N, C-alpha and C. Protein backbone atom coordinates (compact mmCIF):
# COMPACT_ATOMS: atom_id res chain seq x y z
N MET A 1 97.44 48.94 -97.16
CA MET A 1 97.51 48.65 -98.56
C MET A 1 96.81 49.78 -99.30
N LEU A 2 97.39 50.21 -100.40
CA LEU A 2 96.78 51.22 -101.25
C LEU A 2 96.55 50.61 -102.61
N ASP A 3 95.30 50.64 -103.06
CA ASP A 3 94.91 50.10 -104.35
C ASP A 3 94.37 51.24 -105.20
N SER A 4 94.83 51.33 -106.44
CA SER A 4 94.27 52.33 -107.35
C SER A 4 93.50 51.61 -108.44
N PHE A 5 92.49 52.28 -108.97
CA PHE A 5 91.71 51.69 -110.07
C PHE A 5 91.47 52.76 -111.12
N ASP A 6 91.58 52.36 -112.38
CA ASP A 6 91.43 53.28 -113.50
C ASP A 6 91.04 52.45 -114.72
N SER A 7 89.83 52.65 -115.21
CA SER A 7 89.38 51.90 -116.37
C SER A 7 88.38 52.70 -117.18
N THR A 8 88.47 52.56 -118.48
CA THR A 8 87.48 53.10 -119.40
C THR A 8 86.71 51.96 -120.07
N ASN A 9 86.86 50.74 -119.52
CA ASN A 9 86.23 49.55 -120.07
C ASN A 9 85.31 48.92 -119.01
N PRO A 10 84.03 49.28 -118.98
CA PRO A 10 83.12 48.78 -117.94
C PRO A 10 83.13 47.28 -117.71
N PRO A 11 83.27 46.42 -118.72
CA PRO A 11 83.33 44.99 -118.42
C PRO A 11 84.47 44.59 -117.47
N ASP A 12 85.48 45.46 -117.34
CA ASP A 12 86.58 45.18 -116.42
C ASP A 12 86.15 45.26 -114.96
N TYR A 13 85.09 46.02 -114.64
CA TYR A 13 84.78 46.28 -113.24
C TYR A 13 83.31 46.18 -112.85
N THR A 14 82.38 46.09 -113.79
CA THR A 14 80.96 46.13 -113.41
C THR A 14 80.49 44.90 -112.63
N ALA A 15 81.28 43.84 -112.60
CA ALA A 15 80.92 42.69 -111.74
C ALA A 15 81.00 43.10 -110.27
N GLY A 16 81.77 44.14 -109.98
CA GLY A 16 81.89 44.65 -108.61
C GLY A 16 82.53 43.63 -107.69
N PHE A 17 82.21 43.79 -106.40
CA PHE A 17 82.74 42.91 -105.37
C PHE A 17 81.56 42.43 -104.53
N PRO A 18 81.04 41.22 -104.82
CA PRO A 18 79.87 40.72 -104.08
C PRO A 18 80.14 40.65 -102.57
N MET A 19 79.08 40.47 -101.80
CA MET A 19 79.14 40.45 -100.34
C MET A 19 80.33 39.63 -99.85
N HIS A 20 81.16 40.26 -98.99
CA HIS A 20 82.34 39.61 -98.43
C HIS A 20 82.65 40.23 -97.06
N PRO A 21 83.39 39.50 -96.21
CA PRO A 21 83.66 39.99 -94.85
C PRO A 21 84.95 40.81 -94.75
N HIS A 22 84.96 41.69 -93.76
CA HIS A 22 86.18 42.38 -93.32
C HIS A 22 86.15 42.41 -91.80
N ARG A 23 87.33 42.43 -91.21
CA ARG A 23 87.45 42.51 -89.74
C ARG A 23 88.79 43.13 -89.41
N GLY A 24 88.79 44.04 -88.42
CA GLY A 24 90.04 44.59 -87.90
C GLY A 24 90.70 45.65 -88.75
N ILE A 25 89.99 46.14 -89.77
CA ILE A 25 90.59 47.15 -90.64
C ILE A 25 89.61 48.29 -90.88
N GLU A 26 90.10 49.32 -91.53
CA GLU A 26 89.26 50.38 -92.07
C GLU A 26 89.59 50.49 -93.56
N THR A 27 88.56 50.77 -94.36
CA THR A 27 88.80 51.05 -95.78
C THR A 27 88.30 52.45 -96.07
N ILE A 28 89.13 53.21 -96.77
CA ILE A 28 88.77 54.56 -97.17
C ILE A 28 88.87 54.59 -98.69
N SER A 29 87.76 54.90 -99.35
CA SER A 29 87.71 54.91 -100.81
C SER A 29 87.44 56.32 -101.29
N TYR A 30 88.20 56.75 -102.29
CA TYR A 30 88.00 58.05 -102.94
C TYR A 30 87.74 57.78 -104.41
N VAL A 31 86.59 58.26 -104.90
CA VAL A 31 86.25 58.11 -106.31
C VAL A 31 86.50 59.45 -106.99
N PHE A 32 87.48 59.47 -107.86
CA PHE A 32 87.79 60.69 -108.62
C PHE A 32 86.80 60.85 -109.76
N SER A 33 86.46 59.72 -110.41
CA SER A 33 85.53 59.73 -111.53
C SER A 33 84.73 58.43 -111.52
N GLY A 34 83.42 58.54 -111.66
CA GLY A 34 82.55 57.36 -111.65
C GLY A 34 81.74 57.30 -110.38
N GLN A 35 81.30 56.08 -110.03
CA GLN A 35 80.49 55.86 -108.83
C GLN A 35 80.87 54.55 -108.17
N MET A 36 80.63 54.47 -106.86
CA MET A 36 80.80 53.25 -106.08
C MET A 36 79.60 53.13 -105.15
N MET A 37 78.90 52.02 -105.27
CA MET A 37 77.74 51.77 -104.41
C MET A 37 78.15 50.80 -103.30
N HIS A 38 77.74 51.11 -102.08
CA HIS A 38 78.09 50.32 -100.89
C HIS A 38 76.81 49.81 -100.25
N ARG A 39 76.81 48.53 -99.85
CA ARG A 39 75.75 47.94 -99.01
C ARG A 39 76.42 47.04 -98.00
N ASP A 40 75.86 47.01 -96.77
CA ASP A 40 76.50 46.17 -95.75
C ASP A 40 75.49 45.51 -94.83
N SER A 41 76.01 44.62 -93.97
CA SER A 41 75.19 43.82 -93.07
C SER A 41 74.58 44.64 -91.93
N LEU A 42 74.96 45.90 -91.80
CA LEU A 42 74.36 46.77 -90.79
C LEU A 42 73.18 47.55 -91.35
N GLY A 43 72.89 47.37 -92.65
CA GLY A 43 71.78 48.06 -93.28
C GLY A 43 72.14 49.34 -94.00
N HIS A 44 73.41 49.69 -94.03
CA HIS A 44 73.82 50.89 -94.77
C HIS A 44 73.76 50.62 -96.27
N SER A 45 73.29 51.59 -97.00
CA SER A 45 73.27 51.53 -98.46
C SER A 45 73.53 52.95 -98.94
N ASP A 46 74.58 53.14 -99.74
CA ASP A 46 74.98 54.48 -100.11
C ASP A 46 75.74 54.43 -101.43
N THR A 47 75.72 55.53 -102.14
CA THR A 47 76.50 55.66 -103.37
C THR A 47 77.35 56.92 -103.28
N ILE A 48 78.63 56.76 -103.57
CA ILE A 48 79.49 57.94 -103.69
C ILE A 48 79.79 58.14 -105.17
N SER A 49 79.94 59.39 -105.54
CA SER A 49 80.19 59.76 -106.93
C SER A 49 81.49 60.54 -107.03
N SER A 50 81.81 60.98 -108.22
CA SER A 50 83.06 61.70 -108.49
C SER A 50 83.35 62.75 -107.41
N GLY A 51 84.54 62.65 -106.81
CA GLY A 51 84.98 63.61 -105.81
C GLY A 51 84.55 63.29 -104.39
N GLU A 52 83.96 62.12 -104.16
CA GLU A 52 83.45 61.78 -102.82
C GLU A 52 84.21 60.61 -102.20
N VAL A 53 83.99 60.43 -100.88
CA VAL A 53 84.74 59.46 -100.09
C VAL A 53 83.77 58.59 -99.30
N GLN A 54 84.12 57.32 -99.15
CA GLN A 54 83.42 56.47 -98.18
C GLN A 54 84.45 55.89 -97.22
N TRP A 55 84.04 55.80 -95.95
CA TRP A 55 84.93 55.33 -94.90
C TRP A 55 84.20 54.23 -94.14
N MET A 56 84.77 53.04 -94.16
CA MET A 56 84.16 51.91 -93.45
C MET A 56 85.13 51.38 -92.41
N THR A 57 84.67 51.33 -91.18
CA THR A 57 85.42 50.71 -90.09
C THR A 57 84.85 49.32 -89.91
N ALA A 58 85.62 48.29 -90.24
CA ALA A 58 85.13 46.92 -90.12
C ALA A 58 85.10 46.48 -88.65
N GLY A 59 86.08 46.92 -87.88
CA GLY A 59 86.11 46.59 -86.46
C GLY A 59 85.92 45.11 -86.21
N SER A 60 84.92 44.76 -85.37
CA SER A 60 84.67 43.37 -84.97
C SER A 60 84.14 42.51 -86.10
N GLY A 61 83.76 43.12 -87.21
CA GLY A 61 83.35 42.34 -88.37
C GLY A 61 82.14 42.92 -89.07
N ILE A 62 82.18 42.92 -90.39
CA ILE A 62 81.08 43.42 -91.21
C ILE A 62 81.12 42.69 -92.56
N LEU A 63 79.96 42.47 -93.11
CA LEU A 63 79.85 41.97 -94.48
C LEU A 63 79.46 43.16 -95.34
N HIS A 64 80.09 43.30 -96.50
CA HIS A 64 79.71 44.41 -97.37
C HIS A 64 79.96 44.05 -98.82
N GLU A 65 79.33 44.82 -99.70
CA GLU A 65 79.58 44.66 -101.13
C GLU A 65 79.76 46.03 -101.75
N GLU A 66 80.52 46.06 -102.83
CA GLU A 66 80.74 47.28 -103.59
C GLU A 66 80.33 47.00 -105.03
N LEU A 67 79.43 47.83 -105.53
CA LEU A 67 78.97 47.71 -106.90
C LEU A 67 79.46 48.93 -107.66
N LEU A 68 79.89 48.71 -108.88
CA LEU A 68 80.50 49.77 -109.68
C LEU A 68 79.74 49.90 -111.00
N PRO A 69 78.82 50.87 -111.08
CA PRO A 69 78.07 51.05 -112.32
C PRO A 69 78.99 51.51 -113.47
N ALA A 70 78.60 51.17 -114.68
CA ALA A 70 79.36 51.58 -115.86
C ALA A 70 79.46 53.10 -115.92
N ALA A 71 80.64 53.57 -116.27
CA ALA A 71 80.91 55.01 -116.41
C ALA A 71 81.87 55.21 -117.57
N GLU A 72 81.94 56.44 -118.05
CA GLU A 72 82.90 56.75 -119.11
C GLU A 72 84.31 56.41 -118.63
N ARG A 73 84.59 56.71 -117.34
CA ARG A 73 85.86 56.35 -116.73
C ARG A 73 85.64 56.13 -115.24
N LEU A 74 86.15 55.02 -114.72
CA LEU A 74 86.16 54.76 -113.29
C LEU A 74 87.59 54.98 -112.82
N LEU A 75 87.77 55.91 -111.88
CA LEU A 75 89.10 56.27 -111.41
C LEU A 75 89.04 56.57 -109.92
N GLY A 76 89.93 55.97 -109.15
CA GLY A 76 89.97 56.26 -107.73
C GLY A 76 91.02 55.44 -107.01
N VAL A 77 90.97 55.54 -105.69
CA VAL A 77 91.89 54.78 -104.83
C VAL A 77 91.13 54.24 -103.63
N GLN A 78 91.64 53.15 -103.08
CA GLN A 78 91.11 52.61 -101.84
C GLN A 78 92.29 52.27 -100.94
N LEU A 79 92.24 52.80 -99.72
CA LEU A 79 93.28 52.58 -98.72
C LEU A 79 92.74 51.64 -97.66
N TRP A 80 93.48 50.58 -97.35
CA TRP A 80 93.14 49.68 -96.27
C TRP A 80 94.08 49.98 -95.10
N LEU A 81 93.50 50.30 -93.95
CA LEU A 81 94.28 50.61 -92.75
C LEU A 81 94.05 49.52 -91.70
N ASN A 82 95.12 49.00 -91.16
CA ASN A 82 95.04 48.01 -90.10
C ASN A 82 94.76 48.75 -88.80
N LEU A 83 93.68 48.39 -88.11
CA LEU A 83 93.36 49.04 -86.83
C LEU A 83 94.36 48.61 -85.75
N PRO A 84 94.66 49.50 -84.80
CA PRO A 84 95.51 49.12 -83.67
C PRO A 84 94.86 47.97 -82.90
N ALA A 85 95.64 47.13 -82.28
CA ALA A 85 95.14 45.94 -81.58
C ALA A 85 94.00 46.27 -80.63
N LYS A 86 94.11 47.36 -79.88
CA LYS A 86 93.07 47.70 -78.89
C LYS A 86 91.75 48.13 -79.53
N GLU A 87 91.77 48.42 -80.85
CA GLU A 87 90.55 48.87 -81.54
C GLU A 87 89.99 47.84 -82.52
N LYS A 88 90.62 46.70 -82.63
CA LYS A 88 90.18 45.70 -83.61
C LYS A 88 88.77 45.19 -83.37
N MET A 89 88.29 45.19 -82.14
CA MET A 89 86.95 44.68 -81.85
C MET A 89 85.93 45.81 -81.66
N THR A 90 86.26 47.00 -82.13
CA THR A 90 85.33 48.12 -82.06
C THR A 90 84.10 47.83 -82.93
N SER A 91 83.02 48.52 -82.69
CA SER A 91 81.81 48.32 -83.48
C SER A 91 82.02 48.78 -84.92
N PRO A 92 81.51 48.01 -85.88
CA PRO A 92 81.61 48.42 -87.28
C PRO A 92 80.86 49.73 -87.53
N HIS A 93 81.31 50.48 -88.51
CA HIS A 93 80.70 51.77 -88.81
C HIS A 93 80.95 52.12 -90.28
N TYR A 94 80.02 52.85 -90.86
CA TYR A 94 80.16 53.33 -92.24
C TYR A 94 79.73 54.78 -92.31
N HIS A 95 80.46 55.58 -93.05
CA HIS A 95 79.97 56.92 -93.37
C HIS A 95 80.60 57.38 -94.68
N SER A 96 79.89 58.28 -95.32
CA SER A 96 80.40 58.84 -96.57
C SER A 96 80.62 60.34 -96.37
N ILE A 97 81.48 60.87 -97.18
CA ILE A 97 81.75 62.31 -97.16
C ILE A 97 81.44 62.80 -98.57
N LYS A 98 80.36 63.55 -98.67
CA LYS A 98 79.84 63.99 -99.97
C LYS A 98 80.50 65.29 -100.41
N ASN A 99 80.33 65.60 -101.69
CA ASN A 99 80.94 66.80 -102.27
C ASN A 99 80.62 68.06 -101.48
N GLY A 100 79.39 68.20 -101.01
CA GLY A 100 79.00 69.40 -100.27
C GLY A 100 79.80 69.58 -98.98
N GLU A 101 80.28 68.47 -98.40
CA GLU A 101 81.09 68.56 -97.18
C GLU A 101 82.56 68.83 -97.51
N ILE A 102 83.01 68.38 -98.67
CA ILE A 102 84.40 68.57 -99.09
C ILE A 102 84.56 69.96 -99.71
N HIS A 103 83.60 70.33 -100.54
CA HIS A 103 83.61 71.60 -101.24
C HIS A 103 82.32 72.32 -100.90
N PRO A 104 82.26 73.06 -99.79
CA PRO A 104 81.03 73.74 -99.41
C PRO A 104 80.43 74.54 -100.59
N GLY A 105 79.13 74.41 -100.74
CA GLY A 105 78.44 75.10 -101.82
C GLY A 105 78.29 74.25 -103.07
N LYS A 106 78.99 73.11 -103.14
CA LYS A 106 78.88 72.21 -104.30
C LYS A 106 78.03 71.02 -103.90
N GLN A 107 77.08 70.66 -104.69
CA GLN A 107 76.21 69.51 -104.40
C GLN A 107 76.68 68.28 -105.10
């Protein structure tokens, strides 16, 4: 599933997505403009900003929340990938890809 989001009206999105479960999928989020804060049941807490990516493998199961602080514009996409059957019970994992890794020399 591919979901896009685009808003210049913070009340549309600042409620975010409170703690909820995922299992057997991966979510890849790209924020073109704005920020997305991630927290999960494994203790990860991270914020990605304009031009950055977060990748979460739910695998055998994870609880997570996404918080979206008010911005002039929130714009991005989130892709949900169904894991192959043999990988559905893999250990959950989270990592982000920051601007410096995407565009070397940019912080």
